[in-house]
Amino acid sequence: MRIAALVIIAVAVIADSGCSTTAAVQSAPPALVSVVTARAEVSDVPIEIRLPAIVEPHATVTVKSEIAGELRRVLVHEGQAIHRGDVLFEIEPEPYVAALNQAKAQDKASSFL
């Protein structure tokens, strides 16, 4: 009986000390936090997202020239959308102008004979 009484007293002391510790923790004041404020402003913000990626086109084409010649200018850039009839390249016209003038001269010469 004596042991039972000691056990009950020990349990009561432990329970009482646990409750008092919990009450002490709950009653501690909260930690202070510093707060900084700023005035809101309206302004344009550039949107730029840089991600490593691989881009694949919807369609690819092979461009083949119908005539041979010296390439003078490239009028299209990689990735640019193009449409039927757009001029993509400029070939040096002098050899073709000379050949046309020669053909016209021969035509005139043959008409005099």
N, C-alpha and C. Protein backbone atom coordinates (compact mmCIF):
# COMPACT_ATOMS: atom_id res chain seq x y z
N MET A 1 0.80 -1.16 0.00
CA MET A 1 0.00 0.00 0.00
C MET A 1 0.86 1.25 0.00
N ARG A 2 1.94 1.12 0.70
CA ARG A 2 2.85 2.25 0.75
C ARG A 2 3.44 2.53 -0.63
N ILE A 3 3.73 1.50 -1.37
CA ILE A 3 4.32 1.67 -2.72
C ILE A 3 3.28 2.30 -3.63
N ALA A 4 2.05 1.90 -3.51
CA ALA A 4 1.00 2.48 -4.35
C ALA A 4 0.83 3.96 -4.06
N ALA A 5 0.93 4.35 -2.81
CA ALA A 5 0.80 5.75 -2.43
C ALA A 5 1.97 6.55 -2.99
N LEU A 6 3.17 5.98 -2.94
CA LEU A 6 4.34 6.68 -3.48
C LEU A 6 4.23 6.85 -5.01
N VAL A 7 3.72 5.85 -5.67
CA VAL A 7 3.56 5.92 -7.13
C VAL A 7 2.55 7.01 -7.48
N ILE A 8 1.46 7.08 -6.74
CA ILE A 8 0.44 8.09 -7.00
C ILE A 8 1.01 9.49 -6.75
N ILE A 9 1.77 9.66 -5.72
CA ILE A 9 2.37 10.96 -5.42
C ILE A 9 3.38 11.34 -6.51
N ALA A 10 4.18 10.36 -6.97
CA ALA A 10 5.17 10.63 -8.01
C ALA A 10 4.49 11.05 -9.32
N VAL A 11 3.41 10.36 -9.65
CA VAL A 11 2.68 10.69 -10.88
C VAL A 11 2.07 12.09 -10.75
N ALA A 12 1.54 12.44 -9.59
CA ALA A 12 0.94 13.75 -9.39
C ALA A 12 1.99 14.85 -9.51
N VAL A 13 3.18 14.62 -8.96
CA VAL A 13 4.25 15.63 -9.04
C VAL A 13 4.71 15.81 -10.48
N ILE A 14 4.87 14.71 -11.20
CA ILE A 14 5.31 14.80 -12.61
C ILE A 14 4.25 15.50 -13.45
N ALA A 15 2.99 15.17 -13.23
CA ALA A 15 1.92 15.80 -13.99
C ALA A 15 1.84 17.29 -13.69
N ASP A 16 2.03 17.65 -12.42
CA ASP A 16 1.96 19.05 -12.03
C ASP A 16 3.14 19.83 -12.61
N SER A 17 4.32 19.24 -12.62
CA SER A 17 5.48 19.94 -13.15
C SER A 17 5.37 20.09 -14.67
N GLY A 18 4.78 19.12 -15.34
CA GLY A 18 4.57 19.21 -16.79
C GLY A 18 3.62 20.33 -17.14
N CYS A 19 2.58 20.48 -16.39
CA CYS A 19 1.60 21.53 -16.67
C CYS A 19 2.19 22.91 -16.41
N SER A 20 2.99 23.04 -15.35
CA SER A 20 3.56 24.35 -15.05
C SER A 20 4.58 24.75 -16.11
N THR A 21 5.34 23.80 -16.68
CA THR A 21 6.30 24.12 -17.74
C THR A 21 5.56 24.56 -18.99
N THR A 22 4.48 23.88 -19.33
CA THR A 22 3.70 24.25 -20.50
C THR A 22 3.11 25.64 -20.33
N ALA A 23 2.65 25.94 -19.16
CA ALA A 23 2.08 27.27 -18.90
C ALA A 23 3.16 28.32 -19.00
N ALA A 24 4.38 28.04 -18.58
CA ALA A 24 5.47 29.01 -18.64
C ALA A 24 5.85 29.28 -20.09
N VAL A 25 5.85 28.24 -20.93
CA VAL A 25 6.18 28.42 -22.35
C VAL A 25 5.10 29.23 -23.04
N GLN A 26 3.85 28.98 -22.73
CA GLN A 26 2.75 29.69 -23.37
C GLN A 26 2.70 31.15 -22.94
N SER A 27 3.15 31.46 -21.77
CA SER A 27 3.05 32.83 -21.30
C SER A 27 4.24 33.68 -21.74
N ALA A 28 5.25 33.12 -22.42
CA ALA A 28 6.39 33.90 -22.88
C ALA A 28 5.94 34.85 -23.98
N PRO A 29 6.42 36.09 -23.99
CA PRO A 29 6.01 37.05 -25.01
C PRO A 29 6.53 36.62 -26.39
N PRO A 30 5.79 36.89 -27.46
CA PRO A 30 6.24 36.51 -28.81
C PRO A 30 7.48 37.32 -29.20
N ALA A 31 8.30 36.73 -30.06
CA ALA A 31 9.51 37.40 -30.53
C ALA A 31 9.13 38.59 -31.40
N LEU A 32 9.91 39.67 -31.32
CA LEU A 32 9.64 40.87 -32.11
C LEU A 32 10.18 40.69 -33.52
N VAL A 33 9.43 41.18 -34.49
CA VAL A 33 9.82 41.09 -35.90
C VAL A 33 9.81 42.51 -36.45
N SER A 34 10.91 42.90 -37.11
CA SER A 34 10.95 44.25 -37.68
C SER A 34 10.19 44.25 -39.00
N VAL A 35 9.49 45.34 -39.27
CA VAL A 35 8.67 45.47 -40.47
C VAL A 35 9.13 46.71 -41.22
N VAL A 36 9.33 46.57 -42.55
CA VAL A 36 9.72 47.69 -43.39
C VAL A 36 8.62 47.91 -44.41
N THR A 37 8.26 49.15 -44.66
CA THR A 37 7.21 49.47 -45.62
C THR A 37 7.80 50.27 -46.78
N ALA A 38 7.12 50.23 -47.91
CA ALA A 38 7.53 51.00 -49.09
C ALA A 38 6.28 51.42 -49.83
N ARG A 39 6.37 52.53 -50.55
CA ARG A 39 5.24 53.03 -51.33
C ARG A 39 5.17 52.26 -52.65
N ALA A 40 4.00 51.81 -53.03
CA ALA A 40 3.80 51.08 -54.28
C ALA A 40 3.85 52.05 -55.45
N GLU A 41 4.47 51.62 -56.56
CA GLU A 41 4.58 52.44 -57.76
C GLU A 41 4.08 51.64 -58.97
N VAL A 42 3.51 52.35 -59.93
CA VAL A 42 3.08 51.74 -61.19
C VAL A 42 4.16 52.03 -62.22
N SER A 43 4.68 50.97 -62.86
CA SER A 43 5.71 51.16 -63.89
C SER A 43 5.71 49.95 -64.81
N ASP A 44 6.34 50.12 -65.98
CA ASP A 44 6.50 49.01 -66.92
C ASP A 44 7.64 48.13 -66.44
N VAL A 45 7.42 46.85 -66.47
CA VAL A 45 8.43 45.89 -66.06
C VAL A 45 8.68 44.96 -67.24
N PRO A 46 9.92 44.87 -67.71
CA PRO A 46 10.18 43.96 -68.84
C PRO A 46 10.01 42.51 -68.41
N ILE A 47 9.40 41.74 -69.28
CA ILE A 47 9.21 40.32 -69.00
C ILE A 47 10.20 39.54 -69.86
N GLU A 48 11.09 38.85 -69.21
CA GLU A 48 12.09 38.08 -69.92
C GLU A 48 12.31 36.78 -69.16
N ILE A 49 12.15 35.70 -69.87
CA ILE A 49 12.36 34.39 -69.28
C ILE A 49 13.41 33.68 -70.12
N ARG A 50 14.49 33.30 -69.50
CA ARG A 50 15.55 32.58 -70.21
C ARG A 50 15.55 31.13 -69.76
N LEU A 51 15.30 30.25 -70.70
CA LEU A 51 15.27 28.83 -70.39
C LEU A 51 16.08 28.08 -71.44
N PRO A 52 16.84 27.12 -71.04
CA PRO A 52 17.51 26.30 -72.05
C PRO A 52 16.47 25.43 -72.74
N ALA A 53 16.47 25.48 -74.07
CA ALA A 53 15.46 24.72 -74.80
C ALA A 53 15.95 24.41 -76.21
N ILE A 54 15.31 23.47 -76.83
CA ILE A 54 15.54 23.14 -78.23
C ILE A 54 14.25 23.44 -78.96
N VAL A 55 14.34 24.27 -80.00
CA VAL A 55 13.17 24.66 -80.76
C VAL A 55 13.22 23.95 -82.10
N GLU A 56 12.12 23.33 -82.47
CA GLU A 56 12.03 22.65 -83.76
C GLU A 56 10.97 23.34 -84.60
N PRO A 57 11.26 23.60 -85.89
CA PRO A 57 10.29 24.29 -86.74
C PRO A 57 9.12 23.37 -87.11
N HIS A 58 8.00 24.01 -87.48
CA HIS A 58 6.84 23.24 -87.93
C HIS A 58 7.14 22.58 -89.28
N ALA A 59 7.89 23.29 -90.13
CA ALA A 59 8.23 22.75 -91.44
C ALA A 59 9.58 23.31 -91.87
N THR A 60 10.30 22.55 -92.66
CA THR A 60 11.57 23.02 -93.22
C THR A 60 11.50 22.88 -94.73
N VAL A 61 12.27 23.71 -95.41
CA VAL A 61 12.30 23.65 -96.87
C VAL A 61 13.74 23.71 -97.34
N THR A 62 13.97 23.22 -98.54
CA THR A 62 15.26 23.33 -99.19
C THR A 62 15.10 24.31 -100.34
N VAL A 63 15.92 25.33 -100.37
CA VAL A 63 15.84 26.36 -101.40
C VAL A 63 16.87 26.03 -102.46
N LYS A 64 16.39 25.88 -103.72
CA LYS A 64 17.28 25.60 -104.84
C LYS A 64 17.08 26.70 -105.89
N SER A 65 18.19 27.19 -106.39
CA SER A 65 18.16 28.24 -107.40
C SER A 65 17.85 27.64 -108.77
N GLU A 66 17.06 28.36 -109.56
CA GLU A 66 16.78 27.89 -110.92
C GLU A 66 17.89 28.30 -111.88
N ILE A 67 18.71 29.26 -111.49
CA ILE A 67 19.84 29.69 -112.30
C ILE A 67 21.08 29.74 -111.41
N ALA A 68 22.24 29.72 -112.06
CA ALA A 68 23.50 29.81 -111.32
C ALA A 68 24.00 31.24 -111.41
N GLY A 69 24.67 31.68 -110.40
CA GLY A 69 25.24 33.03 -110.43
C GLY A 69 25.86 33.38 -109.10
N GLU A 70 26.53 34.52 -109.11
CA GLU A 70 27.18 35.03 -107.90
C GLU A 70 26.13 35.63 -106.98
N LEU A 71 26.11 35.21 -105.75
CA LEU A 71 25.14 35.70 -104.77
C LEU A 71 25.57 37.09 -104.32
N ARG A 72 24.66 38.08 -104.50
CA ARG A 72 24.97 39.46 -104.14
C ARG A 72 24.46 39.80 -102.73
N ARG A 73 23.21 39.47 -102.43
CA ARG A 73 22.64 39.80 -101.12
C ARG A 73 21.70 38.69 -100.66
N VAL A 74 21.65 38.50 -99.35
CA VAL A 74 20.69 37.59 -98.73
C VAL A 74 19.64 38.46 -98.07
N LEU A 75 18.39 38.33 -98.48
CA LEU A 75 17.32 39.20 -98.01
C LEU A 75 16.44 38.54 -96.95
N VAL A 76 16.76 37.33 -96.55
CA VAL A 76 15.98 36.61 -95.57
C VAL A 76 16.92 36.18 -94.44
N HIS A 77 16.38 36.14 -93.22
CA HIS A 77 17.18 35.76 -92.06
C HIS A 77 16.66 34.45 -91.49
N GLU A 78 17.51 33.70 -90.83
CA GLU A 78 17.13 32.43 -90.25
C GLU A 78 15.98 32.62 -89.26
N GLY A 79 14.96 31.81 -89.39
CA GLY A 79 13.81 31.88 -88.49
C GLY A 79 12.71 32.82 -88.96
N GLN A 80 12.97 33.57 -90.01
CA GLN A 80 11.98 34.53 -90.52
C GLN A 80 10.88 33.81 -91.28
N ALA A 81 9.64 34.23 -91.09
CA ALA A 81 8.52 33.66 -91.84
C ALA A 81 8.54 34.24 -93.26
N ILE A 82 8.38 33.38 -94.25
CA ILE A 82 8.36 33.84 -95.64
C ILE A 82 7.09 33.32 -96.31
N HIS A 83 6.75 33.95 -97.43
CA HIS A 83 5.55 33.59 -98.18
C HIS A 83 5.91 33.40 -99.64
N ARG A 84 5.04 32.76 -100.36
CA ARG A 84 5.26 32.52 -101.78
C ARG A 84 5.43 33.86 -102.49
N GLY A 85 6.47 33.95 -103.30
CA GLY A 85 6.73 35.18 -104.05
C GLY A 85 7.70 36.13 -103.38
N ASP A 86 8.05 35.88 -102.12
CA ASP A 86 9.01 36.74 -101.43
C ASP A 86 10.39 36.58 -102.07
N VAL A 87 11.13 37.69 -102.19
CA VAL A 87 12.50 37.64 -102.69
C VAL A 87 13.40 37.25 -101.54
N LEU A 88 14.14 36.15 -101.70
CA LEU A 88 14.99 35.65 -100.64
C LEU A 88 16.46 36.02 -100.85
N PHE A 89 16.89 35.96 -102.10
CA PHE A 89 18.29 36.23 -102.44
C PHE A 89 18.34 37.10 -103.68
N GLU A 90 19.46 37.82 -103.83
CA GLU A 90 19.68 38.61 -105.04
C GLU A 90 20.96 38.10 -105.68
N ILE A 91 20.84 37.68 -106.95
CA ILE A 91 21.98 37.16 -107.69
C ILE A 91 22.50 38.28 -108.59
N GLU A 92 23.80 38.35 -108.78
CA GLU A 92 24.43 39.38 -109.61
C GLU A 92 23.83 39.34 -111.02
N PRO A 93 23.20 40.44 -111.47
CA PRO A 93 22.46 40.41 -112.74
C PRO A 93 23.31 40.69 -113.98
N GLU A 94 24.53 41.19 -113.85
CA GLU A 94 25.31 41.62 -115.02
C GLU A 94 25.49 40.55 -116.09
N PRO A 95 25.85 39.29 -115.75
CA PRO A 95 26.00 38.29 -116.82
C PRO A 95 24.68 38.05 -117.58
N TYR A 96 23.57 38.13 -116.90
CA TYR A 96 22.28 37.88 -117.55
C TYR A 96 21.85 39.08 -118.39
N VAL A 97 22.16 40.27 -117.94
CA VAL A 97 21.86 41.48 -118.73
C VAL A 97 22.71 41.47 -120.00
N ALA A 98 23.97 41.08 -119.88
CA ALA A 98 24.84 41.00 -121.05
C ALA A 98 24.33 39.96 -122.03
N ALA A 99 23.92 38.80 -121.55
CA ALA A 99 23.39 37.75 -122.43
C ALA A 99 22.11 38.21 -123.11
N LEU A 100 21.25 38.94 -122.41
CA LEU A 100 20.01 39.46 -122.99
C LEU A 100 20.32 40.49 -124.07
N ASN A 101 21.25 41.40 -123.80
CA ASN A 101 21.62 42.41 -124.81
C ASN A 101 22.23 41.75 -126.05
N GLN A 102 23.02 40.70 -125.85
CA GLN A 102 23.60 39.99 -126.99
C GLN A 102 22.51 39.31 -127.81
N ALA A 103 21.52 38.72 -127.18
CA ALA A 103 20.42 38.06 -127.89
C ALA A 103 19.60 39.09 -128.66
N LYS A 104 19.37 40.26 -128.07
CA LYS A 104 18.61 41.32 -128.77
C LYS A 104 19.39 41.82 -129.98
N ALA A 105 20.72 41.96 -129.82
CA ALA A 105 21.54 42.42 -130.94
C ALA A 105 21.54 41.40 -132.08
N GLN A 106 21.62 40.13 -131.75
CA GLN A 106 21.59 39.10 -132.79
C GLN A 106 20.22 39.07 -133.48
N ASP A 107 19.15 39.31 -132.71
CA ASP A 107 17.81 39.32 -133.30
C ASP A 107 17.69 40.49 -134.29
N LYS A 108 18.21 41.66 -133.92
CA LYS A 108 18.17 42.81 -134.82
C LYS A 108 19.02 42.56 -136.07
N ALA A 109 20.19 41.93 -135.87
CA ALA A 109 21.07 41.66 -136.99
C ALA A 109 20.44 40.65 -137.95
N SER A 110 19.73 39.67 -137.44
CA SER A 110 19.10 38.69 -138.31
C SER A 110 17.89 39.28 -139.04
N SER A 111 17.26 40.30 -138.45
CA SER A 111 16.11 40.92 -139.13
C SER A 111 16.56 41.77 -140.30
N PHE A 112 17.83 42.26 -140.36
CA PHE A 112 18.33 43.05 -141.47
C PHE A 112 18.73 42.17 -142.64
N LEU A 113 18.95 40.93 -142.46
CA LEU A 113 19.37 40.05 -143.54
C LEU A 113 18.25 39.56 -144.32
